[in-house]
Amino acid sequence: MVKRGEVYWVNLDPTVGTEIKKTRPCLIVSPDDLNATLPRVIVAPLTSKGQKLGCRPEVEFAGKKTRILLDQIRAIDKECA
């Protein structure tokens, strides 16, 4: 089962406008009770280049400083995770 706090590589394409693109690591932010029940999960993309903002906390992932893009949260099908 996909669990909150795990990171998966997700293809975020296709996108519209300023939505973040391409395949990138995404943090599962949806609660585990929803993850166990629904066919979708809520994710926040990670990036190593994002602009420093209050809604983009910095964390370490795979040995690199990255930002969690909380302004780019989206729901994806579990088949993508």
PDB file of N, CA and C in Angstrom:
ATOM      1  N   MET A   1       0.833  -1.184   0.000  1.00  0.00           N
ATOM      2  CA  MET A   1       0.000   0.000   0.000  1.00  0.00           C
ATOM      3  C   MET A   1       0.881   1.251   0.000  1.00  0.00           C
ATOM      4  N   VAL A   2       0.472   2.234  -0.734  1.00  0.00           N
ATOM      5  CA  VAL A   2       1.131   3.536  -0.749  1.00  0.00           C
ATOM      6  C   VAL A   2       0.856   4.208   0.597  1.00  0.00           C
ATOM      7  N   LYS A   3       1.903   4.760   1.235  1.00  0.00           N
ATOM      8  CA  LYS A   3       1.732   5.361   2.561  1.00  0.00           C
ATOM      9  C   LYS A   3       2.178   6.820   2.583  1.00  0.00           C
ATOM     10  N   ARG A   4       1.512   7.582   3.422  1.00  0.00           N
ATOM     11  CA  ARG A   4       1.857   8.988   3.605  1.00  0.00           C
ATOM     12  C   ARG A   4       3.326   9.100   4.018  1.00  0.00           C
ATOM     13  N   GLY A   5       4.039  10.042   3.400  1.00  0.00           N
ATOM     14  CA  GLY A   5       5.446  10.259   3.711  1.00  0.00           C
ATOM     15  C   GLY A   5       6.396   9.543   2.771  1.00  0.00           C
ATOM     16  N   GLU A   6       5.886   8.581   1.989  1.00  0.00           N
ATOM     17  CA  GLU A   6       6.739   7.894   1.013  1.00  0.00           C
ATOM     18  C   GLU A   6       6.937   8.783  -0.209  1.00  0.00           C
ATOM     19  N   VAL A   7       8.019   8.522  -0.935  1.00  0.00           N
ATOM     20  CA  VAL A   7       8.325   9.276  -2.150  1.00  0.00           C
ATOM     21  C   VAL A   7       8.348   8.311  -3.325  1.00  0.00           C
ATOM     22  N   TYR A   8       7.646   8.683  -4.404  1.00  0.00           N
ATOM     23  CA  TYR A   8       7.594   7.886  -5.630  1.00  0.00           C
ATOM     24  C   TYR A   8       7.937   8.775  -6.811  1.00  0.00           C
ATOM     25  N   TRP A   9       8.550   8.180  -7.827  1.00  0.00           N
ATOM     26  CA  TRP A   9       8.779   8.891  -9.084  1.00  0.00           C
ATOM     27  C   TRP A   9       7.481   8.860  -9.870  1.00  0.00           C
ATOM     28  N   VAL A  10       7.019  10.043 -10.303  1.00  0.00           N
ATOM     29  CA  VAL A  10       5.717  10.179 -10.951  1.00  0.00           C
ATOM     30  C   VAL A  10       5.875  10.986 -12.233  1.00  0.00           C
ATOM     31  N   ASN A  11       5.250  10.512 -13.315  1.00  0.00           N
ATOM     32  CA  ASN A  11       5.194  11.279 -14.560  1.00  0.00           C
ATOM     33  C   ASN A  11       4.047  12.274 -14.430  1.00  0.00           C
ATOM     34  N   LEU A  12       4.371  13.564 -14.337  1.00  0.00           N
ATOM     35  CA  LEU A  12       3.361  14.599 -14.127  1.00  0.00           C
ATOM     36  C   LEU A  12       2.806  15.162 -15.433  1.00  0.00           C
ATOM     37  N   ASP A  13       3.283  14.683 -16.565  1.00  0.00           N
ATOM     38  CA  ASP A  13       2.769  15.138 -17.863  1.00  0.00           C
ATOM     39  C   ASP A  13       1.486  14.387 -18.200  1.00  0.00           C
ATOM     40  N   PRO A  14       0.567  14.970 -18.917  1.00  0.00           N
ATOM     41  CA  PRO A  14       0.570  16.322 -19.477  1.00  0.00           C
ATOM     42  C   PRO A  14       0.210  17.359 -18.411  1.00  0.00           C
ATOM     43  N   THR A  15       0.594  18.595 -18.672  1.00  0.00           N
ATOM     44  CA  THR A  15       0.313  19.685 -17.751  1.00  0.00           C
ATOM     45  C   THR A  15      -0.344  20.836 -18.495  1.00  0.00           C
ATOM     46  N   VAL A  16      -0.820  21.809 -17.733  1.00  0.00           N
ATOM     47  CA  VAL A  16      -1.429  23.012 -18.298  1.00  0.00           C
ATOM     48  C   VAL A  16      -0.760  24.224 -17.664  1.00  0.00           C
ATOM     49  N   GLY A  17      -0.431  25.217 -18.470  1.00  0.00           N
ATOM     50  CA  GLY A  17       0.107  26.471 -17.945  1.00  0.00           C
ATOM     51  C   GLY A  17       1.380  26.299 -17.135  1.00  0.00           C
ATOM     52  N   THR A  18       1.346  26.761 -15.890  1.00  0.00           N
ATOM     53  CA  THR A  18       2.544  26.762 -15.047  1.00  0.00           C
ATOM     54  C   THR A  18       2.652  25.539 -14.141  1.00  0.00           C
ATOM     55  N   GLU A  19       1.842  24.512 -14.380  1.00  0.00           N
ATOM     56  CA  GLU A  19       1.961  23.284 -13.590  1.00  0.00           C
ATOM     57  C   GLU A  19       3.337  22.667 -13.830  1.00  0.00           C
ATOM     58  N   ILE A  20       3.920  22.101 -12.767  1.00  0.00           N
ATOM     59  CA  ILE A  20       5.246  21.498 -12.870  1.00  0.00           C
ATOM     60  C   ILE A  20       5.190  20.268 -13.778  1.00  0.00           C
ATOM     61  N   LYS A  21       6.212  20.115 -14.608  1.00  0.00           N
ATOM     62  CA  LYS A  21       6.216  19.096 -15.655  1.00  0.00           C
ATOM     63  C   LYS A  21       7.186  17.964 -15.347  1.00  0.00           C
ATOM     64  N   LYS A  22       7.182  16.992 -16.203  1.00  0.00           N
ATOM     65  CA  LYS A  22       8.089  15.850 -16.345  1.00  0.00           C
ATOM     66  C   LYS A  22       7.986  14.853 -15.199  1.00  0.00           C
ATOM     67  N   THR A  23       8.807  13.820 -15.279  1.00  0.00           N
ATOM     68  CA  THR A  23       8.842  12.795 -14.238  1.00  0.00           C
ATOM     69  C   THR A  23       9.753  13.278 -13.124  1.00  0.00           C
ATOM     70  N   ARG A  24       9.234  13.263 -11.907  1.00  0.00           N
ATOM     71  CA  ARG A  24      10.008  13.743 -10.764  1.00  0.00           C
ATOM     72  C   ARG A  24       9.534  13.067  -9.490  1.00  0.00           C
ATOM     73  N   PRO A  25      10.329  13.120  -8.425  1.00  0.00           N
ATOM     74  CA  PRO A  25       9.890  12.522  -7.164  1.00  0.00           C
ATOM     75  C   PRO A  25       8.727  13.318  -6.582  1.00  0.00           C
ATOM     76  N   CYS A  26       7.781  12.587  -5.998  1.00  0.00           N
ATOM     77  CA  CYS A  26       6.619  13.209  -5.373  1.00  0.00           C
ATOM     78  C   CYS A  26       6.393  12.587  -4.004  1.00  0.00           C
ATOM     79  N   LEU A  27       6.110  13.433  -3.029  1.00  0.00           N
ATOM     80  CA  LEU A  27       5.832  13.015  -1.663  1.00  0.00           C
ATOM     81  C   LEU A  27       4.342  12.732  -1.519  1.00  0.00           C
ATOM     82  N   ILE A  28       3.999  11.566  -0.977  1.00  0.00           N
ATOM     83  CA  ILE A  28       2.596  11.238  -0.717  1.00  0.00           C
ATOM     84  C   ILE A  28       2.157  12.046   0.501  1.00  0.00           C
ATOM     85  N   VAL A  29       1.126  12.884   0.346  1.00  0.00           N
ATOM     86  CA  VAL A  29       0.641  13.714   1.449  1.00  0.00           C
ATOM     87  C   VAL A  29      -0.766  13.334   1.902  1.00  0.00           C
ATOM     88  N   SER A  30      -1.454  12.497   1.150  1.00  0.00           N
ATOM     89  CA  SER A  30      -2.802  12.082   1.555  1.00  0.00           C
ATOM     90  C   SER A  30      -2.721  11.138   2.750  1.00  0.00           C
ATOM     91  N   PRO A  31      -3.739  11.178   3.631  1.00  0.00           N
ATOM     92  CA  PRO A  31      -3.729  10.307   4.814  1.00  0.00           C
ATOM     93  C   PRO A  31      -3.897   8.838   4.437  1.00  0.00           C
ATOM     94  N   ASP A  32      -3.326   7.969   5.259  1.00  0.00           N
ATOM     95  CA  ASP A  32      -3.317   6.537   4.956  1.00  0.00           C
ATOM     96  C   ASP A  32      -4.707   5.919   4.866  1.00  0.00           C
ATOM     97  N   ASP A  33      -5.704   6.447   5.605  1.00  0.00           N
ATOM     98  CA  ASP A  33      -7.052   5.879   5.481  1.00  0.00           C
ATOM     99  C   ASP A  33      -7.609   6.115   4.081  1.00  0.00           C
ATOM    100  N   LEU A  34      -7.303   7.259   3.481  1.00  0.00           N
ATOM    101  CA  LEU A  34      -7.718   7.504   2.094  1.00  0.00           C
ATOM    102  C   LEU A  34      -6.876   6.683   1.124  1.00  0.00           C
ATOM    103  N   ASN A  35      -5.581   6.573   1.395  1.00  0.00           N
ATOM    104  CA  ASN A  35      -4.696   5.798   0.520  1.00  0.00           C
ATOM    105  C   ASN A  35      -5.135   4.339   0.434  1.00  0.00           C
ATOM    106  N   ALA A  36      -5.682   3.814   1.523  1.00  0.00           N
ATOM    107  CA  ALA A  36      -6.126   2.418   1.553  1.00  0.00           C
ATOM    108  C   ALA A  36      -7.450   2.226   0.829  1.00  0.00           C
ATOM    109  N   THR A  37      -8.231   3.297   0.676  1.00  0.00           N
ATOM    110  CA  THR A  37      -9.592   3.183   0.157  1.00  0.00           C
ATOM    111  C   THR A  37      -9.752   3.662  -1.281  1.00  0.00           C
ATOM    112  N   LEU A  38      -9.150   4.789  -1.598  1.00  0.00           N
ATOM    113  CA  LEU A  38      -9.368   5.425  -2.901  1.00  0.00           C
ATOM    114  C   LEU A  38      -8.364   4.955  -3.952  1.00  0.00           C
ATOM    115  N   PRO A  39      -8.726   5.070  -5.237  1.00  0.00           N
ATOM    116  CA  PRO A  39      -7.794   4.708  -6.308  1.00  0.00           C
ATOM    117  C   PRO A  39      -6.797   5.830  -6.630  1.00  0.00           C
ATOM    118  N   ARG A  40      -6.875   6.934  -5.886  1.00  0.00           N
ATOM    119  CA  ARG A  40      -5.989   8.085  -6.097  1.00  0.00           C
ATOM    120  C   ARG A  40      -5.227   8.388  -4.821  1.00  0.00           C
ATOM    121  N   VAL A  41      -4.110   9.098  -4.968  1.00  0.00           N
ATOM    122  CA  VAL A  41      -3.361   9.635  -3.835  1.00  0.00           C
ATOM    123  C   VAL A  41      -3.085  11.110  -4.111  1.00  0.00           C
ATOM    124  N   ILE A  42      -2.842  11.860  -3.054  1.00  0.00           N
ATOM    125  CA  ILE A  42      -2.504  13.271  -3.183  1.00  0.00           C
ATOM    126  C   ILE A  42      -0.998  13.392  -2.993  1.00  0.00           C
ATOM    127  N   VAL A  43      -0.344  14.062  -3.944  1.00  0.00           N
ATOM    128  CA  VAL A  43       1.113  14.172  -3.917  1.00  0.00           C
ATOM    129  C   VAL A  43       1.559  15.627  -3.993  1.00  0.00           C
ATOM    130  N   ALA A  44       2.768  15.863  -3.486  1.00  0.00           N
ATOM    131  CA  ALA A  44       3.437  17.156  -3.623  1.00  0.00           C
ATOM    132  C   ALA A  44       4.763  16.892  -4.330  1.00  0.00           C
ATOM    133  N   PRO A  45       4.970  17.472  -5.511  1.00  0.00           N
ATOM    134  CA  PRO A  45       6.219  17.265  -6.241  1.00  0.00           C
ATOM    135  C   PRO A  45       7.427  17.831  -5.486  1.00  0.00           C
ATOM    136  N   LEU A  46       8.588  17.238  -5.743  1.00  0.00           N
ATOM    137  CA  LEU A  46       9.854  17.712  -5.184  1.00  0.00           C
ATOM    138  C   LEU A  46      10.713  18.274  -6.307  1.00  0.00           C
ATOM    139  N   THR A  47      11.504  19.286  -5.994  1.00  0.00           N
ATOM    140  CA  THR A  47      12.443  19.840  -6.964  1.00  0.00           C
ATOM    141  C   THR A  47      13.699  20.313  -6.249  1.00  0.00           C
ATOM    142  N   SER A  48      14.809  20.284  -6.949  1.00  0.00           N
ATOM    143  CA  SER A  48      16.061  20.787  -6.376  1.00  0.00           C
ATOM    144  C   SER A  48      16.314  22.235  -6.791  1.00  0.00           C
ATOM    145  N   LYS A  49      15.430  22.807  -7.599  1.00  0.00           N
ATOM    146  CA  LYS A  49      15.671  24.142  -8.141  1.00  0.00           C
ATOM    147  C   LYS A  49      14.619  25.178  -7.774  1.00  0.00           C
ATOM    148  N   GLY A  50      13.595  24.811  -7.073  1.00  0.00           N
ATOM    149  CA  GLY A  50      12.479  25.725  -6.834  1.00  0.00           C
ATOM    150  C   GLY A  50      12.836  26.993  -6.081  1.00  0.00           C
ATOM    151  N   GLN A  51      12.062  28.024  -6.345  1.00  0.00           N
ATOM    152  CA  GLN A  51      12.206  29.306  -5.677  1.00  0.00           C
ATOM    153  C   GLN A  51      11.895  29.152  -4.185  1.00  0.00           C
ATOM    154  N   LYS A  52      12.656  29.834  -3.341  1.00  0.00           N
ATOM    155  CA  LYS A  52      12.461  29.747  -1.890  1.00  0.00           C
ATOM    156  C   LYS A  52      11.206  30.531  -1.507  1.00  0.00           C
ATOM    157  N   LEU A  53      10.197  29.814  -1.028  1.00  0.00           N
ATOM    158  CA  LEU A  53       8.939  30.412  -0.567  1.00  0.00           C
ATOM    159  C   LEU A  53       8.503  29.689   0.698  1.00  0.00           C
ATOM    160  N   GLY A  54       7.653  30.321   1.491  1.00  0.00           N
ATOM    161  CA  GLY A  54       7.165  29.705   2.717  1.00  0.00           C
ATOM    162  C   GLY A  54       6.398  28.416   2.490  1.00  0.00           C
ATOM    163  N   CYS A  55       5.779  28.284   1.318  1.00  0.00           N
ATOM    164  CA  CYS A  55       5.005  27.075   1.004  1.00  0.00           C
ATOM    165  C   CYS A  55       5.867  26.011   0.323  1.00  0.00           C
ATOM    166  N   ARG A  56       7.192  26.192   0.364  1.00  0.00           N
ATOM    167  CA  ARG A  56       8.125  25.244  -0.257  1.00  0.00           C
ATOM    168  C   ARG A  56       9.236  24.867   0.718  1.00  0.00           C
ATOM    169  N   PRO A  57       8.906  24.084   1.754  1.00  0.00           N
ATOM    170  CA  PRO A  57       9.933  23.726   2.740  1.00  0.00           C
ATOM    171  C   PRO A  57      11.064  22.914   2.117  1.00  0.00           C
ATOM    172  N   GLU A  58      12.270  23.125   2.650  1.00  0.00           N
ATOM    173  CA  GLU A  58      13.441  22.411   2.147  1.00  0.00           C
ATOM    174  C   GLU A  58      13.658  21.137   2.961  1.00  0.00           C
ATOM    175  N   VAL A  59      13.917  20.042   2.255  1.00  0.00           N
ATOM    176  CA  VAL A  59      14.214  18.745   2.873  1.00  0.00           C
ATOM    177  C   VAL A  59      15.362  18.112   2.100  1.00  0.00           C
ATOM    178  N   GLU A  60      15.906  17.031   2.639  1.00  0.00           N
ATOM    179  CA  GLU A  60      16.932  16.287   1.909  1.00  0.00           C
ATOM    180  C   GLU A  60      16.296  15.041   1.319  1.00  0.00           C
ATOM    181  N   PHE A  61      16.544  14.800   0.034  1.00  0.00           N
ATOM    182  CA  PHE A  61      16.057  13.606  -0.652  1.00  0.00           C
ATOM    183  C   PHE A  61      17.175  13.089  -1.538  1.00  0.00           C
ATOM    184  N   ALA A  62      17.511  11.827  -1.394  1.00  0.00           N
ATOM    185  CA  ALA A  62      18.558  11.178  -2.192  1.00  0.00           C
ATOM    186  C   ALA A  62      19.872  11.958  -2.117  1.00  0.00           C
ATOM    187  N   GLY A  63      20.185  12.485  -0.931  1.00  0.00           N
ATOM    188  CA  GLY A  63      21.440  13.186  -0.729  1.00  0.00           C
ATOM    189  C   GLY A  63      21.486  14.604  -1.264  1.00  0.00           C
ATOM    190  N   LYS A  64      20.347  15.147  -1.723  1.00  0.00           N
ATOM    191  CA  LYS A  64      20.299  16.502  -2.272  1.00  0.00           C
ATOM    192  C   LYS A  64      19.286  17.339  -1.508  1.00  0.00           C
ATOM    193  N   LYS A  65      19.565  18.632  -1.418  1.00  0.00           N
ATOM    194  CA  LYS A  65      18.574  19.550  -0.863  1.00  0.00           C
ATOM    195  C   LYS A  65      17.475  19.736  -1.902  1.00  0.00           C
ATOM    196  N   THR A  66      16.249  19.522  -1.474  1.00  0.00           N
ATOM    197  CA  THR A  66      15.111  19.665  -2.383  1.00  0.00           C
ATOM    198  C   THR A  66      14.027  20.484  -1.698  1.00  0.00           C
ATOM    199  N   ARG A  67      13.086  20.949  -2.485  1.00  0.00           N
ATOM    200  CA  ARG A  67      11.940  21.685  -1.960  1.00  0.00           C
ATOM    201  C   ARG A  67      10.669  20.888  -2.243  1.00  0.00           C
ATOM    202  N   ILE A  68       9.783  20.856  -1.247  1.00  0.00           N
ATOM    203  CA  ILE A  68       8.463  20.256  -1.433  1.00  0.00           C
ATOM    204  C   ILE A  68       7.562  21.361  -1.975  1.00  0.00           C
ATOM    205  N   LEU A  69       7.036  21.170  -3.159  1.00  0.00           N
ATOM    206  CA  LEU A  69       6.234  22.209  -3.810  1.00  0.00           C
ATOM    207  C   LEU A  69       4.772  22.106  -3.375  1.00  0.00           C
ATOM    208  N   LEU A  70       4.484  22.635  -2.197  1.00  0.00           N
ATOM    209  CA  LEU A  70       3.120  22.556  -1.666  1.00  0.00           C
ATOM    210  C   LEU A  70       2.135  23.387  -2.481  1.00  0.00           C
ATOM    211  N   ASP A  71       2.648  24.300  -3.297  1.00  0.00           N
ATOM    212  CA  ASP A  71       1.783  25.069  -4.194  1.00  0.00           C
ATOM    213  C   ASP A  71       1.474  24.303  -5.483  1.00  0.00           C
ATOM    214  N   GLN A  72       1.994  23.076  -5.624  1.00  0.00           N
ATOM    215  CA  GLN A  72       1.766  22.262  -6.821  1.00  0.00           C
ATOM    216  C   GLN A  72       1.116  20.915  -6.480  1.00  0.00           C
ATOM    217  N   ILE A  73       0.454  20.836  -5.329  1.00  0.00           N
ATOM    218  CA  ILE A  73      -0.197  19.590  -4.909  1.00  0.00           C
ATOM    219  C   ILE A  73      -1.243  19.180  -5.938  1.00  0.00           C
ATOM    220  N   ARG A  74      -1.334  17.860  -6.168  1.00  0.00           N
ATOM    221  CA  ARG A  74      -2.368  17.333  -7.078  1.00  0.00           C
ATOM    222  C   ARG A  74      -2.705  15.895  -6.729  1.00  0.00           C
ATOM    223  N   ALA A  75      -3.850  15.458  -7.192  1.00  0.00           N
ATOM    224  CA  ALA A  75      -4.263  14.061  -7.025  1.00  0.00           C
ATOM    225  C   ALA A  75      -3.838  13.294  -8.267  1.00  0.00           C
ATOM    226  N   ILE A  76      -3.302  12.086  -8.057  1.00  0.00           N
ATOM    227  CA  ILE A  76      -2.915  11.225  -9.173  1.00  0.00           C
ATOM    228  C   ILE A  76      -3.464   9.823  -8.941  1.00  0.00           C
ATOM    229  N   ASP A  77      -3.653   9.087 -10.012  1.00  0.00           N
ATOM    230  CA  ASP A  77      -4.070   7.695  -9.914  1.00  0.00           C
ATOM    231  C   ASP A  77      -2.927   6.876  -9.330  1.00  0.00           C
ATOM    232  N   LYS A  78      -3.250   5.882  -8.524  1.00  0.00           N
ATOM    233  CA  LYS A  78      -2.208   5.049  -7.911  1.00  0.00           C
ATOM    234  C   LYS A  78      -1.359   4.327  -8.949  1.00  0.00           C
ATOM    235  N   GLU A  79      -1.880   4.115 -10.143  1.00  0.00           N
ATOM    236  CA  GLU A  79      -1.098   3.474 -11.203  1.00  0.00           C
ATOM    237  C   GLU A  79       0.125   4.315 -11.561  1.00  0.00           C
ATOM    238  N   CYS A  80       0.077   5.622 -11.289  1.00  0.00           N
ATOM    239  CA  CYS A  80       1.198   6.520 -11.592  1.00  0.00           C
ATOM    240  C   CYS A  80       2.255   6.500 -10.506  1.00  0.00           C
ATOM    241  N   ALA A  81       1.882   6.069  -9.300  1.00  0.00           N
ATOM    242  CA  ALA A  81       2.817   6.107  -8.163  1.00  0.00           C
ATOM    243  C   ALA A  81       3.625   4.830  -8.081  1.00  0.00           C
TER     244      ALA A  81
END
